[in-house]
Amino acid sequence: MQDLKRPPRLVGSTGDLYNSTVEVRRGHKTGKEIAASTNQDFVQQESNYFKSAQWSADGTTVLTSSADNILRTFILPPDLLSASLSHVLQPYASHILPSPAYAVAIHPSYDLSTPNTALYLASPSSLPVRLISPFSPGILASYPLINPTTEAFIAPHSLLFDAYGDNVNHFFAGSESEISIFDINRNGEVPLSRMKTIPSRRKKIVGGGVGMKGIVSALAMSSEGILAAGTFGRWLGLYDSGGRGGTAGVFEVGKLDDDKDGVGDGAGITQLVWSPCGRYLCVVERGNEGTGVWDIRITGKRVSWLRGRKAKTMQRLSVEVVGSELWSGGTNGIVRMPYLRQLCTLQEAFWLRVLGSGMRED
């Protein structure tokens, strides 16, 4: 447990560089011109907030996605932690997307000193998935996912590089009742495989070993090679053999008596985080004030509830495992960490269960 008697020190920030509307950041108009305009596009006047920020595996880079549909790569200065003054962070590279990004994923072997690993994926709406590098101004490759009935492009709502086994250049893409597997070396080609999460999209019976229906909005791979997939419909599916085998289990996370447990109603799964031991799965939902921890050995059994996340919003608010704690941001700008205790055995040495509902704030 970290000592937080001394408040955290700000070592770097973008400051007010992006504290403006989408239109200003895109360079269409100045602030005075916008104020004088009488016919405004609502989307252009939206605050240019950061939708997501992800660390690279080597800790040198932060990749952000913003409301102006621009992916920005921030390469952090070497003296970030030792400098006496806070750094003003500027993007090393920016990639403009033609439409909002549903999902972004960084290569698990990202290493700034090895440019061929400095890669990330983006899924702009109604377009193929793109492979991008901060060292290249254009698109390195694209991967079309096509609806066989309408021949329209399908934009995945979740992306995950396969860090299990030797398939690090493969990635999973979650869409409507389907999980696809691509190879990044096959530019412009269709998926290697497409796995339906339900036998028929028209089937009325969902669950009970049949499957799960809905948009696959979150993906995560365990250390044991079990792929977890969550949907906006609050369903969770588990697939063995590195996501290429059969269905290990399907259940609905909202099936419990939420009112009795004080959990409340969620509005869809937005993130999944495995424990290092591969037995416990943290399920993050939008429109929900807490985070559930599930024991996958007992399919559908929630073993803990981390309260007070302050995330009653339809935006995706992510969590992060830091040591033996689960850090999460809230709508009020406060980072919280629940007091936790170990659930795994000493050999597995990690996972967590909340002690009461005490929270710590910074």
Protein backbone atom coordinates (compact mmCIF):
# COMPACT_ATOMS: atom_id res chain seq x y z
CA MET A 1 0.00 0.00 0.00
CA GLN A 2 1.45 3.32 -1.00
CA ASP A 3 2.13 6.06 1.51
CA LEU A 4 -0.08 9.01 0.59
CA LYS A 5 0.57 11.20 3.63
CA ARG A 6 2.41 13.49 1.25
CA PRO A 7 0.18 14.70 -1.61
CA PRO A 8 1.12 13.57 -5.14
CA ARG A 9 3.32 15.98 -7.10
CA LEU A 10 2.33 17.11 -10.58
CA VAL A 11 5.23 16.27 -12.90
CA GLY A 12 3.64 16.95 -16.29
CA SER A 13 0.46 18.37 -17.80
CA THR A 14 -1.01 19.63 -21.06
CA GLY A 15 -2.27 22.63 -19.10
CA ASP A 16 -5.01 24.55 -20.89
CA LEU A 17 -3.77 23.55 -24.35
CA TYR A 18 -6.93 21.53 -25.02
CA ASN A 19 -9.26 23.50 -22.78
CA SER A 20 -11.40 24.72 -25.66
CA THR A 21 -14.10 23.58 -28.05
CA VAL A 22 -13.64 20.96 -30.75
CA GLU A 23 -13.86 23.63 -33.45
CA VAL A 24 -11.07 25.75 -31.98
CA ARG A 25 -8.75 22.74 -31.68
CA ARG A 26 -9.39 21.82 -35.31
CA GLY A 27 -8.37 25.34 -36.31
CA HIS A 28 -11.61 26.29 -38.07
CA LYS A 29 -12.23 29.46 -36.10
CA THR A 30 -10.82 31.56 -33.31
CA GLY A 31 -12.66 31.96 -30.04
CA LYS A 32 -13.90 35.45 -31.03
CA GLU A 33 -15.20 34.21 -34.39
CA ILE A 34 -17.12 31.42 -32.68
CA ALA A 35 -18.67 33.81 -30.19
CA ALA A 36 -19.84 36.05 -33.05
CA SER A 37 -21.32 33.17 -35.05
CA THR A 38 -25.11 32.81 -35.08
CA ASN A 39 -25.44 29.43 -36.80
CA GLN A 40 -23.33 26.94 -34.86
CA ASP A 41 -22.91 23.21 -35.15
CA PHE A 42 -23.54 21.74 -31.69
CA VAL A 43 -20.89 19.06 -32.09
CA GLN A 44 -18.26 21.63 -33.01
CA GLN A 45 -19.04 23.59 -29.85
CA GLU A 46 -18.60 20.56 -27.62
CA SER A 47 -15.74 20.69 -25.14
CA ASN A 48 -12.64 18.98 -26.50
CA TYR A 49 -12.34 16.52 -23.63
CA PHE A 50 -10.00 13.53 -23.50
CA LYS A 51 -12.01 10.37 -24.07
CA SER A 52 -9.19 8.02 -23.09
CA ALA A 53 -5.50 7.90 -22.18
CA GLN A 54 -3.37 4.74 -22.32
CA TRP A 55 0.17 3.97 -21.23
CA SER A 56 2.57 2.09 -23.49
CA ALA A 57 4.17 -1.08 -22.15
CA ASP A 58 7.60 0.56 -21.80
CA GLY A 59 6.19 3.54 -19.87
CA THR A 60 7.55 6.13 -22.30
CA THR A 61 4.38 7.07 -24.16
CA VAL A 62 0.80 8.10 -23.47
CA LEU A 63 -1.78 7.71 -26.24
CA THR A 64 -4.91 9.85 -26.00
CA SER A 65 -8.19 10.00 -27.89
CA SER A 66 -10.14 13.27 -27.82
CA ALA A 67 -13.55 14.58 -28.81
CA ASP A 68 -12.02 16.26 -31.88
CA ASN A 69 -11.33 12.76 -33.34
CA ILE A 70 -7.56 13.19 -33.05
CA LEU A 71 -5.24 10.54 -31.60
CA ARG A 72 -2.26 12.19 -29.91
CA THR A 73 0.98 10.48 -28.93
CA PHE A 74 2.79 12.08 -25.98
CA ILE A 75 6.39 10.87 -25.58
CA LEU A 76 7.37 11.76 -22.04
CA PRO A 77 10.65 13.61 -21.29
CA PRO A 78 13.44 11.53 -19.68
CA ASP A 79 13.65 13.86 -16.67
CA LEU A 80 9.91 13.77 -15.99
CA LEU A 81 10.29 12.57 -12.40
CA SER A 82 13.54 14.35 -11.54
CA ALA A 83 12.82 17.86 -12.85
CA SER A 84 12.11 20.52 -10.23
CA LEU A 85 9.31 22.08 -12.29
CA SER A 86 6.30 20.47 -13.97
CA HIS A 87 6.71 19.74 -17.67
CA VAL A 88 4.30 21.11 -20.26
CA LEU A 89 3.41 18.09 -22.38
CA GLN A 90 3.17 18.50 -26.14
CA PRO A 91 2.13 15.74 -28.57
CA TYR A 92 4.94 14.12 -30.55
CA ALA A 93 2.49 12.99 -33.24
CA SER A 94 -1.19 13.53 -34.05
CA HIS A 95 -3.41 11.42 -36.27
CA ILE A 96 -6.73 12.83 -37.43
CA LEU A 97 -9.54 10.30 -37.77
CA PRO A 98 -12.46 10.96 -40.14
CA SER A 99 -14.98 9.87 -37.51
CA PRO A 100 -15.10 9.15 -33.75
CA ALA A 101 -12.98 6.24 -32.55
CA TYR A 102 -14.97 3.45 -30.91
CA ALA A 103 -11.83 1.78 -29.57
CA VAL A 104 -8.07 2.25 -29.36
CA ALA A 105 -5.42 -0.35 -28.39
CA ILE A 106 -1.63 -0.16 -27.96
CA HIS A 107 0.65 -3.01 -29.01
CA PRO A 108 1.62 -5.02 -25.87
CA SER A 109 5.31 -5.06 -26.95
CA TYR A 110 5.46 -1.31 -27.56
CA ASP A 111 9.07 -0.17 -27.19
CA LEU A 112 10.12 3.32 -28.22
CA SER A 113 13.64 2.10 -29.03
CA THR A 114 12.21 -0.49 -31.44
CA PRO A 115 10.05 1.42 -33.95
CA ASN A 116 8.47 -1.69 -35.48
CA THR A 117 6.74 -2.35 -32.14
CA ALA A 118 5.54 1.26 -31.66
CA LEU A 119 2.08 0.52 -33.01
CA TYR A 120 -1.52 1.08 -32.06
CA LEU A 121 -4.95 0.30 -33.46
CA ALA A 122 -7.93 2.60 -33.90
CA SER A 123 -11.50 1.78 -34.87
CA PRO A 124 -13.20 4.83 -36.47
CA SER A 125 -16.94 4.47 -36.91
CA SER A 126 -18.14 3.00 -40.24
CA LEU A 127 -14.57 2.39 -41.42
CA PRO A 128 -11.96 -0.40 -41.29
CA VAL A 129 -9.66 -0.73 -38.29
CA ARG A 130 -6.43 1.24 -38.75
CA LEU A 131 -2.85 0.43 -37.74
CA ILE A 132 -0.92 3.59 -36.86
CA SER A 133 2.57 4.48 -35.63
CA PRO A 134 3.79 7.75 -34.08
CA PHE A 135 6.77 7.53 -36.46
CA SER A 136 4.65 7.44 -39.61
CA PRO A 137 2.35 10.25 -40.81
CA GLY A 138 -0.11 7.96 -42.55
CA ILE A 139 -1.94 4.68 -42.07
CA LEU A 140 0.35 1.64 -41.98
CA ALA A 141 -2.44 -0.86 -42.65
CA SER A 142 -6.20 -1.32 -42.47
CA TYR A 143 -8.38 -4.31 -41.65
CA PRO A 144 -11.93 -4.42 -43.01
CA LEU A 145 -14.74 -6.08 -41.09
CA ILE A 146 -17.66 -6.33 -43.49
CA ASN A 147 -21.31 -7.16 -42.91
CA PRO A 148 -21.99 -10.08 -45.28
CA THR A 149 -25.61 -9.01 -45.77
CA THR A 150 -25.24 -5.28 -46.46
CA GLU A 151 -21.51 -5.22 -47.40
CA ALA A 152 -21.11 -2.20 -45.11
CA PHE A 153 -18.05 -1.74 -42.92
CA ILE A 154 -18.47 -2.75 -39.29
CA ALA A 155 -16.50 -0.69 -36.78
CA PRO A 156 -15.54 -2.78 -33.72
CA HIS A 157 -16.45 -1.36 -30.31
CA SER A 158 -13.52 -3.14 -28.62
CA LEU A 159 -9.98 -4.03 -29.64
CA LEU A 160 -7.40 -6.24 -27.93
CA PHE A 161 -3.94 -7.36 -29.00
CA ASP A 162 -3.34 -11.04 -28.28
CA ALA A 163 -0.62 -11.01 -25.61
CA TYR A 164 -1.16 -14.70 -24.77
CA GLY A 165 1.17 -17.24 -26.36
CA ASP A 166 3.04 -16.48 -29.57
CA ASN A 167 0.28 -14.58 -31.38
CA VAL A 168 1.31 -11.06 -30.37
CA ASN A 169 0.65 -9.80 -33.93
CA HIS A 170 -2.95 -10.98 -33.82
CA PHE A 171 -5.74 -8.87 -32.39
CA PHE A 172 -9.36 -9.39 -31.39
CA ALA A 173 -12.18 -7.09 -32.50
CA GLY A 174 -15.57 -7.10 -30.80
CA SER A 175 -18.72 -6.14 -32.70
CA GLU A 176 -22.42 -7.04 -32.74
CA SER A 177 -22.64 -10.59 -31.29
CA GLU A 178 -19.28 -11.42 -32.82
CA ILE A 179 -15.55 -11.56 -32.04
CA SER A 180 -13.12 -11.47 -34.98
CA ILE A 181 -9.39 -12.25 -35.09
CA PHE A 182 -7.05 -10.31 -37.40
CA ASP A 183 -3.35 -10.56 -38.26
CA ILE A 184 -1.65 -7.14 -38.42
CA ASN A 185 0.70 -8.46 -41.12
CA ARG A 186 -2.23 -9.04 -43.50
CA ASN A 187 -3.00 -5.53 -44.69
CA GLY A 188 -6.42 -5.08 -46.27
CA GLU A 189 -7.50 -8.66 -45.65
CA VAL A 190 -10.58 -10.00 -43.90
CA PRO A 191 -10.36 -11.62 -40.43
CA LEU A 192 -8.60 -14.92 -39.88
CA SER A 193 -11.74 -16.10 -38.11
CA ARG A 194 -15.12 -14.79 -36.93
CA MET A 195 -16.73 -16.27 -33.83
CA LYS A 196 -20.41 -15.68 -33.16
CA THR A 197 -21.27 -15.17 -29.51
CA ILE A 198 -24.80 -16.44 -30.10
CA PRO A 199 -25.96 -19.07 -32.64
CA SER A 200 -28.58 -16.76 -34.12
CA ARG A 201 -29.14 -13.02 -33.76
CA ARG A 202 -32.87 -13.70 -33.90
CA LYS A 203 -32.80 -16.32 -31.17
CA LYS A 204 -34.97 -15.23 -28.23
CA ILE A 205 -33.30 -17.41 -25.57
CA VAL A 206 -30.00 -15.89 -24.46
CA GLY A 207 -27.76 -17.40 -21.78
CA GLY A 208 -28.12 -20.84 -20.24
CA GLY A 209 -25.11 -22.02 -22.24
CA VAL A 210 -26.57 -20.78 -25.54
CA GLY A 211 -24.56 -17.57 -25.85
CA MET A 212 -24.80 -13.83 -25.39
CA LYS A 213 -26.33 -11.22 -27.64
CA GLY A 214 -25.30 -7.61 -28.08
CA ILE A 215 -22.36 -5.37 -28.97
CA VAL A 216 -19.10 -6.76 -27.58
CA SER A 217 -17.88 -3.60 -25.85
CA ALA A 218 -14.95 -4.91 -23.77
CA LEU A 219 -12.28 -7.60 -24.15
CA ALA A 220 -9.56 -8.89 -21.80
CA MET A 221 -7.22 -11.90 -21.80
CA SER A 222 -6.22 -13.68 -18.59
CA SER A 223 -2.79 -15.09 -17.77
CA GLU A 224 -4.38 -18.54 -18.20
CA GLY A 225 -5.49 -17.82 -21.77
CA ILE A 226 -9.18 -17.19 -21.10
CA LEU A 227 -10.70 -14.42 -23.18
CA ALA A 228 -13.40 -12.41 -21.40
CA ALA A 229 -15.91 -10.48 -23.50
CA GLY A 230 -18.52 -8.08 -22.15
CA THR A 231 -21.47 -6.44 -23.87
CA PHE A 232 -23.48 -3.26 -23.52
CA GLY A 233 -26.36 -5.55 -22.60
CA ARG A 234 -24.55 -6.54 -19.35
CA TRP A 235 -23.62 -10.04 -20.52
CA LEU A 236 -20.22 -11.63 -19.93
CA GLY A 237 -18.74 -14.50 -21.95
CA LEU A 238 -15.59 -16.56 -21.25
CA TYR A 239 -13.71 -18.36 -24.06
CA ASP A 240 -10.81 -20.75 -23.48
CA SER A 241 -7.70 -21.66 -25.52
CA GLY A 242 -6.64 -18.06 -25.93
CA GLY A 243 -10.06 -17.04 -27.22
CA ARG A 244 -9.95 -19.65 -29.97
CA GLY A 245 -11.59 -22.55 -28.17
CA GLY A 246 -15.06 -23.22 -26.88
CA THR A 247 -17.31 -21.23 -24.58
CA ALA A 248 -16.23 -21.67 -20.96
CA GLY A 249 -19.22 -19.80 -19.56
CA VAL A 250 -21.81 -17.10 -20.21
CA PHE A 251 -23.74 -15.16 -17.60
CA GLU A 252 -25.48 -11.86 -16.99
CA VAL A 253 -23.74 -9.51 -14.56
CA GLY A 254 -27.01 -7.74 -13.75
CA LYS A 255 -28.79 -10.95 -12.77
CA LEU A 256 -28.17 -10.45 -9.05
CA ASP A 257 -30.53 -8.52 -6.81
CA ASP A 258 -28.75 -5.20 -7.37
CA ASP A 259 -31.06 -3.19 -5.14
CA LYS A 260 -30.50 -5.53 -2.19
CA ASP A 261 -26.72 -5.41 -2.60
CA GLY A 262 -26.68 -1.65 -3.15
CA VAL A 263 -25.09 -2.11 -6.55
CA GLY A 264 -27.57 -0.22 -8.69
CA ASP A 265 -28.29 -0.63 -12.38
CA GLY A 266 -25.46 -0.54 -14.90
CA ALA A 267 -25.77 0.61 -18.50
CA GLY A 268 -23.33 -1.78 -20.14
CA ILE A 269 -19.84 -3.20 -19.63
CA THR A 270 -17.06 -0.84 -20.74
CA GLN A 271 -13.92 -2.47 -19.30
CA LEU A 272 -12.69 -5.84 -18.03
CA VAL A 273 -9.56 -6.31 -15.88
CA TRP A 274 -8.15 -9.70 -14.89
CA SER A 275 -6.26 -10.46 -11.69
CA PRO A 276 -2.69 -11.69 -12.35
CA CYS A 277 -3.66 -15.13 -11.00
CA GLY A 278 -6.33 -15.42 -13.70
CA ARG A 279 -9.17 -16.36 -11.32
CA TYR A 280 -10.88 -13.04 -10.66
CA LEU A 281 -12.34 -10.60 -13.13
CA CYS A 282 -13.06 -6.94 -12.45
CA VAL A 283 -16.12 -5.74 -14.38
CA VAL A 284 -16.51 -1.99 -15.02
CA GLU A 285 -19.82 -0.59 -16.26
CA ARG A 286 -20.97 2.82 -17.40
CA GLY A 287 -23.75 4.49 -15.41
CA ASN A 288 -22.70 2.63 -12.27
CA GLU A 289 -21.18 3.84 -8.99
CA GLY A 290 -19.12 0.73 -8.27
CA THR A 291 -16.98 -2.06 -9.69
CA GLY A 292 -17.74 -5.76 -9.37
CA VAL A 293 -15.22 -8.58 -8.85
CA TRP A 294 -16.23 -12.01 -10.15
CA ASP A 295 -14.82 -15.46 -9.41
CA ILE A 296 -14.74 -17.26 -12.77
CA ARG A 297 -14.36 -20.65 -11.06
CA ILE A 298 -17.99 -20.17 -9.99
CA THR A 299 -19.58 -18.82 -13.16
CA GLY A 300 -21.85 -15.90 -12.38
CA LYS A 301 -20.69 -15.51 -8.77
CA ARG A 302 -19.79 -11.99 -7.69
CA VAL A 303 -17.45 -12.12 -4.69
CA SER A 304 -16.90 -8.42 -4.07
CA TRP A 305 -18.27 -4.98 -4.81
CA LEU A 306 -16.02 -1.89 -4.76
CA ARG A 307 -18.29 1.03 -3.91
CA GLY A 308 -18.07 4.77 -4.40
CA ARG A 309 -16.50 5.06 -7.87
CA LYS A 310 -18.57 8.19 -8.64
CA ALA A 311 -19.11 7.18 -12.26
CA LYS A 312 -22.83 7.75 -12.81
CA THR A 313 -22.34 8.75 -16.42
CA MET A 314 -22.68 7.20 -19.86
CA GLN A 315 -19.06 8.07 -20.63
CA ARG A 316 -16.41 5.33 -20.37
CA LEU A 317 -14.52 5.89 -17.11
CA SER A 318 -11.71 3.35 -16.83
CA VAL A 319 -9.96 1.81 -13.84
CA GLU A 320 -6.33 0.78 -13.40
CA VAL A 321 -4.65 -1.82 -11.21
CA VAL A 322 -1.77 -0.21 -9.27
CA GLY A 323 0.07 -2.66 -7.05
CA SER A 324 -2.58 -4.13 -4.76
CA GLU A 325 -5.12 -1.39 -5.39
CA LEU A 326 -7.71 -0.56 -8.01
CA TRP A 327 -7.52 3.14 -8.93
CA SER A 328 -10.51 4.80 -10.57
CA GLY A 329 -11.43 8.34 -11.56
CA GLY A 330 -14.83 9.91 -10.99
CA THR A 331 -17.05 12.58 -12.48
CA ASN A 332 -15.93 15.02 -9.77
CA GLY A 333 -12.25 14.83 -10.77
CA ILE A 334 -11.17 12.75 -7.76
CA VAL A 335 -9.11 9.55 -7.98
CA ARG A 336 -10.23 6.85 -5.55
CA MET A 337 -8.67 3.61 -4.36
CA PRO A 338 -10.67 1.13 -2.27
CA TYR A 339 -9.00 -0.51 0.71
CA LEU A 340 -8.48 -4.09 -0.38
CA ARG A 341 -7.35 -7.48 0.88
CA GLN A 342 -6.00 -10.50 -0.94
CA LEU A 343 -8.31 -13.11 -2.46
CA CYS A 344 -5.80 -15.36 -4.23
CA THR A 345 -3.53 -17.83 -2.47
CA LEU A 346 -0.02 -16.82 -1.41
CA GLN A 347 1.42 -18.49 -4.52
CA GLU A 348 -0.91 -16.48 -6.78
CA ALA A 349 -0.18 -13.47 -4.57
CA PHE A 350 -2.49 -10.76 -5.67
CA TRP A 351 -6.16 -10.34 -5.97
CA LEU A 352 -8.28 -8.15 -3.94
CA ARG A 353 -11.47 -7.89 -1.96
CA VAL A 354 -12.91 -4.78 -0.46
CA LEU A 355 -12.91 -4.37 3.33
CA GLY A 356 -16.18 -2.62 4.03
CA SER A 357 -16.79 0.37 1.81
CA GLY A 358 -13.95 2.62 2.91
CA MET A 359 -12.37 4.70 0.15
CA ARG A 360 -9.29 6.84 -0.01
CA GLU A 361 -9.26 10.03 -2.09
CA ASP A 362 -6.58 12.23 -3.66
